[in-house]
Every structure is written in structure tokens, then in C-alpha cells.
Amino acid sequence: MLKFESEQKVYDIGEIKMGGQPGEYPTVLIGSIFYHGHDIVTDEKAGDFDKEKAEALLKKEEAVSETTGNPRIVDVCSAWPRSFDKYIEYVAEHIEGPFTIDGTTSSVRIAGLKYVEEVGLGERVIYNSVQPQIKDDEIMAIKDAKINSAILLTYNAKNPTIQGRLESLDSVLSVAKQAGIENCLIDVAVLDKPDPGPISKCIHLVKERYGLPAGAGSHNAVATWAEQRNLDKNKRLMALSVANALPISFGADFILYGPIHNAKYAYFHTAFADACVAFSMMQEYGIKPANRSHPLFRIFRE
């Protein structure tokens, strides 16, 4: 484990601490609901879904989050503009704390932003995500919704390398400033199957150079691989464990772990990685977890 020499920002988003040195705070886990193809959704265009199944998923994630000590943020997805308000309303009423809004296109995201503005949810919402190709109307919609936290995606199609991701970071930081974003969470963008390696290094560099909380959706690499190679469930879960744990060893502050139904697996291997990192940081640098709710003090007890 390595201690960062630069000052590390720690954001307090809805009482969830994110950032700091490795081992200080538990990794925040972000799981997706109502995504395209989610089997609890009965009509994507209309936003109809099975409320009992949705509630069960949210409660299961809440329970496993409490067990491990890893905070949760629900990623509210939508593929259609008129569906988004139903999804946002439901999640806002059924969980405490922050959640992300995550639309497949700019028109969907703007629809979600307008609803957030109308009902005054800006303080609870984390925008997912500010991207290099974002247009002015979307920037203005973020500002109008009074959202001050966002995931910034360092997507660089022309140069999908560690350096390319770092090059795109300055541009998305500039956009975030225009949109009134104060809490910038850097997603270093998984683009290819072996990317958990490069994105882990990139997370380390972002935190060392900028001191900002950083993470990634490393499950995307495994999802692409599993689909192409028809991996069985056990192999997928083992690959996901490695893909999600590796960035944590490089200092990741958050992990987008994919579909919410994978919560029990994602929280378990993330908590174990957190505990190992924290124990190492205590021994080498004297850096202790900020409180006793850290996974180090939870997952090994009976």
C-alpha cells in the first residue's frame, strides 16, 4: 500500500464520506437499478416496474451495506425520458441518503435533471456523469437543478490509455466548474476487458496529482468478457472479485459494481479488500480508519 503525498480531499455527500488516504474510509459501492434490460421493469418507455421486487432489492443492499460497513449509493438508471421521474421518485422515497441519476442519452439525463429541479432533490443527487462531449444545454440543466456533486467520466476514445484518461480530466473538471459542481468524483472509464489494470494505476495517479476521490465501473470489463466467452457464474464472480478489488489496492474511493442484484457479492469482496488495505496502512503508516464502522472492524467478527 502507498500513502499519497498530496493532500486528499474528503467529500461529505449526504453523510457519506468519500476520499482521503487508503484505509481511512470504506469504499463506497454504487449499484444500478432500472437499467436497460432490468427484469423488474415491465415497460421501459412508461417507467412501469414491479415495486415489490424493487423494494426487496433496495432492502437487501441496505442490509449488506450495514453488515460490511461499506456505504451505498443507488445508481438510478433510465433509457427513456418520461420514465425517469418515476424511477427517481421511487428511490428517493425508499432510501435515505444520496443517489445518482444515470441516463443513457443526454435527452434522458436532461429529463431527469428537470424533475430533480422541480421537486428540489438537488442536494441528494449525484450526477452520473459529466463527460467530455457534454453539450451546453445539459450543463445548464445541471446548474438549474442545483446539483453540487457529480461523477466525472474521463472517457477518451482517441487515446484510451492511462495518459489519455488523464488528458481528458482537465476538460471535464472545467465543465464541472461551469455546471456548479463542487464535489467531483473521478470515474476513470473502463473501455476494454483488461482495463482493471490500467484504471487502477490511473486512479492512483488521479489521487496523487489532484487529491480527488476516484473510482471506476470495473464490472464493465467482466461483463463484456463474460458475454463474449460465455463464462459460467462462478468464473464471472471470481473475475468480478478481482476486477473490483484491484482498484481498491491502488486507492479507489468508490466502485460502480453494476446490477444491484450482485450486491451480496460486491460488498463481501470489497469489504475484504478494504480490511486488508486498512490493516496494511495501520502497520506501515499509522493511518487508522476514521471510525469503528469500517469493514476492518466488522467483517471478521462473529
Protein backbone atom coordinates (compact mmCIF):
# COMPACT_ATOMS: atom_id res chain seq x y z
CA MET A 1 0.00 0.00 0.00
CA LEU A 2 1.14 3.54 -0.72
CA LYS A 3 0.37 6.76 1.12
CA PHE A 4 -0.39 9.71 -1.16
CA GLU A 5 1.91 12.69 -0.68
CA SER A 6 -0.64 15.23 -1.92
CA GLU A 7 -3.48 16.48 0.27
CA GLN A 8 -6.51 14.25 -0.21
CA LYS A 9 -9.96 15.80 -0.42
CA VAL A 10 -12.74 14.18 1.59
CA TYR A 11 -16.28 14.94 0.49
CA ASP A 12 -19.27 14.61 2.78
CA ILE A 13 -22.19 13.76 0.49
CA GLY A 14 -25.35 13.07 2.43
CA GLU A 15 -23.30 11.93 5.44
CA ILE A 16 -21.24 9.58 3.27
CA LYS A 17 -17.53 10.30 3.46
CA MET A 18 -15.62 9.76 0.24
CA GLY A 19 -11.91 10.33 -0.39
CA GLY A 20 -8.85 10.51 1.83
CA GLN A 21 -5.90 8.18 2.24
CA PRO A 22 -6.30 4.43 1.67
CA GLY A 23 -7.72 2.80 4.78
CA GLU A 24 -9.32 5.94 6.20
CA TYR A 25 -12.82 5.48 4.82
CA PRO A 26 -14.54 2.40 3.40
CA THR A 27 -15.03 2.11 -0.33
CA VAL A 28 -18.43 3.43 -1.40
CA LEU A 29 -20.39 0.99 -3.55
CA ILE A 30 -22.70 2.12 -6.33
CA GLY A 31 -25.18 -0.40 -7.72
CA SER A 32 -27.59 0.13 -10.61
CA ILE A 33 -31.37 -0.25 -10.69
CA PHE A 34 -33.87 0.20 -13.56
CA TYR A 35 -31.09 -0.18 -16.13
CA HIS A 36 -31.90 -1.21 -19.72
CA GLY A 37 -32.96 -4.85 -19.62
CA HIS A 38 -33.55 -4.99 -15.87
CA ASP A 39 -36.11 -7.73 -15.34
CA ILE A 40 -38.08 -5.81 -12.70
CA VAL A 41 -39.04 -3.23 -15.36
CA THR A 42 -42.22 -4.20 -17.21
CA ASP A 43 -42.42 -1.19 -19.57
CA GLU A 44 -39.25 0.85 -20.10
CA LYS A 45 -40.93 3.64 -22.05
CA ALA A 46 -43.70 4.18 -19.49
CA GLY A 47 -41.48 3.54 -16.48
CA ASP A 48 -43.61 0.70 -15.12
CA PHE A 49 -41.89 -1.76 -12.78
CA ASP A 50 -42.53 -4.32 -10.08
CA LYS A 51 -42.45 -2.25 -6.89
CA GLU A 52 -42.22 -5.24 -4.56
CA LYS A 53 -39.14 -6.57 -6.35
CA ALA A 54 -37.57 -3.11 -6.43
CA GLU A 55 -38.12 -2.67 -2.71
CA ALA A 56 -36.68 -6.11 -1.99
CA LEU A 57 -33.51 -5.30 -3.93
CA LEU A 58 -33.08 -1.98 -2.12
CA LYS A 59 -33.60 -3.59 1.30
CA LYS A 60 -31.15 -6.40 0.57
CA GLU A 61 -28.49 -3.92 -0.45
CA GLU A 62 -29.17 -1.81 2.63
CA ALA A 63 -28.75 -4.86 4.85
CA VAL A 64 -25.46 -5.99 3.32
CA SER A 65 -24.15 -2.41 3.45
CA GLU A 66 -24.88 -2.33 7.17
CA THR A 67 -23.18 -5.70 7.64
CA THR A 68 -19.91 -4.78 5.92
CA GLY A 69 -19.74 -1.06 6.72
CA ASN A 70 -19.42 -0.03 3.08
CA PRO A 71 -21.72 2.92 2.32
CA ARG A 72 -24.09 2.55 -0.59
CA ILE A 73 -25.25 4.90 -3.31
CA VAL A 74 -28.04 3.71 -5.60
CA ASP A 75 -27.49 4.38 -9.30
CA VAL A 76 -30.92 5.24 -10.73
CA CYS A 77 -30.83 4.45 -14.44
CA SER A 78 -33.25 5.18 -17.26
CA ALA A 79 -33.33 4.67 -21.01
CA TRP A 80 -36.42 6.84 -21.66
CA PRO A 81 -37.12 10.47 -20.67
CA ARG A 82 -40.66 10.01 -19.39
CA SER A 83 -39.65 7.04 -17.22
CA PHE A 84 -37.00 8.87 -15.26
CA ASP A 85 -39.24 10.84 -12.90
CA LYS A 86 -40.97 7.63 -11.74
CA TYR A 87 -37.67 5.92 -11.01
CA ILE A 88 -36.19 8.92 -9.22
CA GLU A 89 -39.32 9.48 -7.14
CA TYR A 90 -39.43 5.85 -6.06
CA VAL A 91 -35.80 5.61 -4.99
CA ALA A 92 -35.87 8.99 -3.24
CA GLU A 93 -38.82 7.78 -1.15
CA HIS A 94 -37.40 4.33 -0.36
CA ILE A 95 -33.81 5.05 0.64
CA GLU A 96 -32.03 7.53 2.83
CA GLY A 97 -29.03 9.44 1.62
CA PRO A 98 -27.71 10.27 -1.84
CA PHE A 99 -28.30 8.54 -5.16
CA THR A 100 -27.07 9.03 -8.70
CA ILE A 101 -29.14 9.74 -11.79
CA ASP A 102 -27.83 7.96 -14.85
CA GLY A 103 -29.48 8.30 -18.26
CA THR A 104 -28.43 6.58 -21.46
CA THR A 105 -28.62 9.76 -23.58
CA SER A 106 -28.43 13.49 -22.98
CA SER A 107 -32.18 13.88 -23.56
CA VAL A 108 -32.90 11.27 -20.89
CA ARG A 109 -30.45 12.87 -18.47
CA ILE A 110 -31.91 16.33 -19.04
CA ALA A 111 -35.41 14.97 -18.37
CA GLY A 112 -34.14 13.59 -15.08
CA LEU A 113 -32.47 16.88 -14.22
CA LYS A 114 -35.68 18.82 -14.84
CA TYR A 115 -37.55 16.54 -12.46
CA VAL A 116 -34.83 16.93 -9.83
CA GLU A 117 -35.14 20.71 -10.21
CA GLU A 118 -38.95 20.61 -9.92
CA VAL A 119 -39.02 18.60 -6.69
CA GLY A 120 -35.89 20.08 -5.10
CA LEU A 121 -33.76 16.94 -4.82
CA GLY A 122 -30.51 18.58 -5.94
CA GLU A 123 -28.73 18.13 -2.60
CA ARG A 124 -29.30 14.35 -2.64
CA VAL A 125 -28.41 13.75 -6.28
CA ILE A 126 -25.01 12.84 -7.69
CA TYR A 127 -24.99 13.39 -11.44
CA ASN A 128 -23.75 10.42 -13.47
CA SER A 129 -21.97 11.63 -15.42
CA VAL A 130 -20.18 14.72 -16.74
CA GLN A 131 -18.49 13.58 -19.95
CA PRO A 132 -16.02 15.28 -22.31
CA GLN A 133 -18.61 15.58 -25.10
CA ILE A 134 -21.32 17.17 -22.92
CA LYS A 135 -23.36 19.98 -24.54
CA ASP A 136 -24.31 23.39 -23.17
CA ASP A 137 -27.98 22.50 -22.58
CA GLU A 138 -27.01 19.62 -20.32
CA ILE A 139 -24.52 21.78 -18.42
CA MET A 140 -27.21 24.40 -17.85
CA ALA A 141 -29.70 21.75 -16.72
CA ILE A 142 -27.23 20.51 -14.10
CA LYS A 143 -26.76 24.05 -12.84
CA ASP A 144 -30.50 24.75 -12.76
CA ALA A 145 -31.11 21.58 -10.74
CA LYS A 146 -28.69 22.88 -8.08
CA ILE A 147 -26.69 19.67 -8.05
CA ASN A 148 -23.28 20.08 -6.45
CA SER A 149 -21.95 16.51 -6.72
CA ALA A 150 -21.14 14.62 -9.90
CA ILE A 151 -19.21 11.71 -11.32
CA LEU A 152 -16.77 12.95 -13.95
CA LEU A 153 -16.01 10.40 -16.68
CA THR A 154 -12.50 10.59 -18.16
CA TYR A 155 -13.54 8.94 -21.42
CA ASN A 156 -11.02 9.38 -24.22
CA ALA A 157 -11.90 7.39 -27.35
CA LYS A 158 -8.94 8.76 -29.33
CA ASN A 159 -6.41 7.79 -26.69
CA PRO A 160 -7.83 5.00 -24.46
CA THR A 161 -4.70 4.78 -22.30
CA ILE A 162 -3.73 5.88 -18.82
CA GLN A 163 -2.31 9.10 -20.28
CA GLY A 164 -5.37 9.64 -22.44
CA ARG A 165 -7.65 9.43 -19.43
CA LEU A 166 -5.53 11.94 -17.54
CA GLU A 167 -5.59 14.29 -20.54
CA SER A 168 -9.40 14.31 -20.55
CA LEU A 169 -9.62 15.01 -16.82
CA ASP A 170 -8.81 18.71 -17.06
CA SER A 171 -11.57 19.23 -19.63
CA VAL A 172 -14.27 17.54 -17.53
CA LEU A 173 -13.11 19.43 -14.43
CA SER A 174 -13.59 22.66 -16.38
CA VAL A 175 -17.09 21.59 -17.42
CA ALA A 176 -17.95 20.64 -13.84
CA LYS A 177 -16.98 24.11 -12.70
CA GLN A 178 -19.29 25.66 -15.30
CA ALA A 179 -22.13 23.46 -14.06
CA GLY A 180 -21.62 24.48 -10.44
CA ILE A 181 -20.29 21.11 -9.33
CA GLU A 182 -18.28 21.26 -6.11
CA ASN A 183 -17.81 17.57 -5.31
CA CYS A 184 -16.02 15.93 -8.23
CA LEU A 185 -15.82 12.13 -8.21
CA ILE A 186 -13.49 10.89 -10.94
CA ASP A 187 -14.53 7.79 -12.90
CA VAL A 188 -11.51 6.70 -14.92
CA ALA A 189 -13.60 4.90 -17.56
CA VAL A 190 -13.36 1.19 -18.27
CA LEU A 191 -13.12 0.69 -22.03
CA ASP A 192 -11.66 -2.80 -22.56
CA LYS A 193 -11.58 -6.24 -20.95
CA PRO A 194 -8.12 -5.98 -19.30
CA ASP A 195 -8.76 -2.39 -18.15
CA PRO A 196 -8.96 -3.12 -14.41
CA GLY A 197 -5.14 -2.96 -14.55
CA PRO A 198 -4.73 0.43 -16.28
CA ILE A 199 -7.67 2.03 -14.48
CA SER A 200 -6.21 1.01 -11.12
CA LYS A 201 -2.98 2.81 -11.99
CA CYS A 202 -4.96 5.77 -13.29
CA ILE A 203 -6.92 6.01 -10.03
CA HIS A 204 -3.63 6.13 -8.15
CA LEU A 205 -2.33 8.92 -10.40
CA VAL A 206 -5.54 10.96 -10.14
CA LYS A 207 -5.38 10.85 -6.36
CA GLU A 208 -1.65 11.59 -6.28
CA ARG A 209 -1.82 14.52 -8.69
CA TYR A 210 -5.24 16.00 -7.93
CA GLY A 211 -6.15 14.66 -4.49
CA LEU A 212 -9.67 13.92 -5.73
CA PRO A 213 -11.82 10.89 -4.91
CA ALA A 214 -11.57 8.39 -7.76
CA GLY A 215 -13.03 5.06 -8.79
CA ALA A 216 -14.44 3.13 -11.73
CA GLY A 217 -17.05 0.73 -13.03
CA SER A 218 -14.64 -2.15 -13.35
CA HIS A 219 -17.51 -4.63 -13.66
CA ASN A 220 -17.92 -3.41 -17.27
CA ALA A 221 -14.73 -5.21 -18.25
CA VAL A 222 -16.01 -8.50 -16.87
CA ALA A 223 -19.48 -8.06 -18.36
CA THR A 224 -18.01 -7.67 -21.85
CA TRP A 225 -15.72 -10.66 -21.37
CA ALA A 226 -18.45 -12.87 -19.91
CA GLU A 227 -20.80 -12.12 -22.79
CA GLN A 228 -18.19 -12.88 -25.43
CA ARG A 229 -16.82 -16.05 -23.80
CA ASN A 230 -19.98 -17.37 -22.14
CA LEU A 231 -18.32 -17.56 -18.73
CA ASP A 232 -20.22 -19.55 -16.12
CA LYS A 233 -21.47 -17.93 -12.91
CA ASN A 234 -18.53 -18.97 -10.74
CA LYS A 235 -15.96 -17.68 -13.21
CA ARG A 236 -17.86 -14.39 -13.58
CA LEU A 237 -17.98 -13.91 -9.81
CA MET A 238 -14.28 -14.68 -9.41
CA ALA A 239 -13.42 -12.25 -12.21
CA LEU A 240 -15.65 -9.58 -10.66
CA SER A 241 -13.93 -10.04 -7.32
CA VAL A 242 -10.54 -9.35 -8.88
CA ALA A 243 -11.79 -6.51 -11.09
CA ASN A 244 -13.40 -4.71 -8.15
CA ALA A 245 -10.70 -5.42 -5.56
CA LEU A 246 -7.68 -4.44 -7.66
CA PRO A 247 -8.57 -0.71 -7.87
CA ILE A 248 -9.08 -0.64 -4.09
CA SER A 249 -5.48 -1.72 -3.58
CA PHE A 250 -4.47 1.36 -5.62
CA GLY A 251 -6.61 3.75 -3.56
CA ALA A 252 -10.08 3.69 -5.15
CA ASP A 253 -12.74 5.52 -3.14
CA PHE A 254 -15.78 4.16 -4.95
CA ILE A 255 -16.70 1.24 -7.17
CA LEU A 256 -19.64 1.09 -9.56
CA TYR A 257 -20.32 -2.61 -9.20
CA GLY A 258 -23.10 -3.00 -11.78
CA PRO A 259 -26.58 -4.51 -11.31
CA ILE A 260 -27.90 -4.16 -7.78
CA HIS A 261 -28.71 -7.86 -7.58
CA ASN A 262 -24.95 -8.51 -7.31
CA ALA A 263 -24.80 -6.59 -4.01
CA LYS A 264 -24.10 -9.53 -1.70
CA TYR A 265 -21.03 -10.50 -3.73
CA ALA A 266 -19.77 -6.98 -4.39
CA TYR A 267 -19.99 -5.89 -0.77
CA PHE A 268 -18.29 -9.03 0.51
CA HIS A 269 -15.19 -8.87 -1.68
CA THR A 270 -14.97 -5.07 -1.40
CA ALA A 271 -15.16 -5.21 2.38
CA PHE A 272 -12.42 -7.85 2.49
CA ALA A 273 -10.19 -5.73 0.23
CA ASP A 274 -10.91 -2.67 2.41
CA ALA A 275 -9.98 -4.55 5.56
CA CYS A 276 -6.68 -5.74 4.06
CA VAL A 277 -5.79 -2.24 2.85
CA ALA A 278 -6.67 -0.66 6.20
CA PHE A 279 -4.64 -3.20 8.17
CA SER A 280 -1.61 -2.56 5.97
CA MET A 281 -1.93 1.24 6.27
CA MET A 282 -2.16 0.98 10.06
CA GLN A 283 1.02 -1.07 10.24
CA GLU A 284 3.10 0.90 7.75
CA TYR A 285 1.91 4.50 8.17
CA GLY A 286 -0.12 4.59 11.35
CA ILE A 287 -3.19 5.64 9.37
CA LYS A 288 -6.27 4.28 11.11
CA PRO A 289 -9.86 4.01 9.88
CA ALA A 290 -11.81 7.16 10.72
CA ASN A 291 -14.37 5.22 12.77
CA ARG A 292 -15.32 1.76 14.00
CA SER A 293 -17.86 1.20 11.23
CA HIS A 294 -15.02 0.44 8.80
CA PRO A 295 -15.09 -3.10 7.31
CA LEU A 296 -11.88 -3.92 9.20
CA PHE A 297 -13.91 -3.93 12.42
CA ARG A 298 -16.98 -5.65 11.01
CA ILE A 299 -16.28 -8.49 8.62
CA PHE A 300 -14.10 -10.61 10.91
CA ARG A 301 -16.45 -10.57 13.89
CA GLU A 302 -18.81 -13.46 14.51
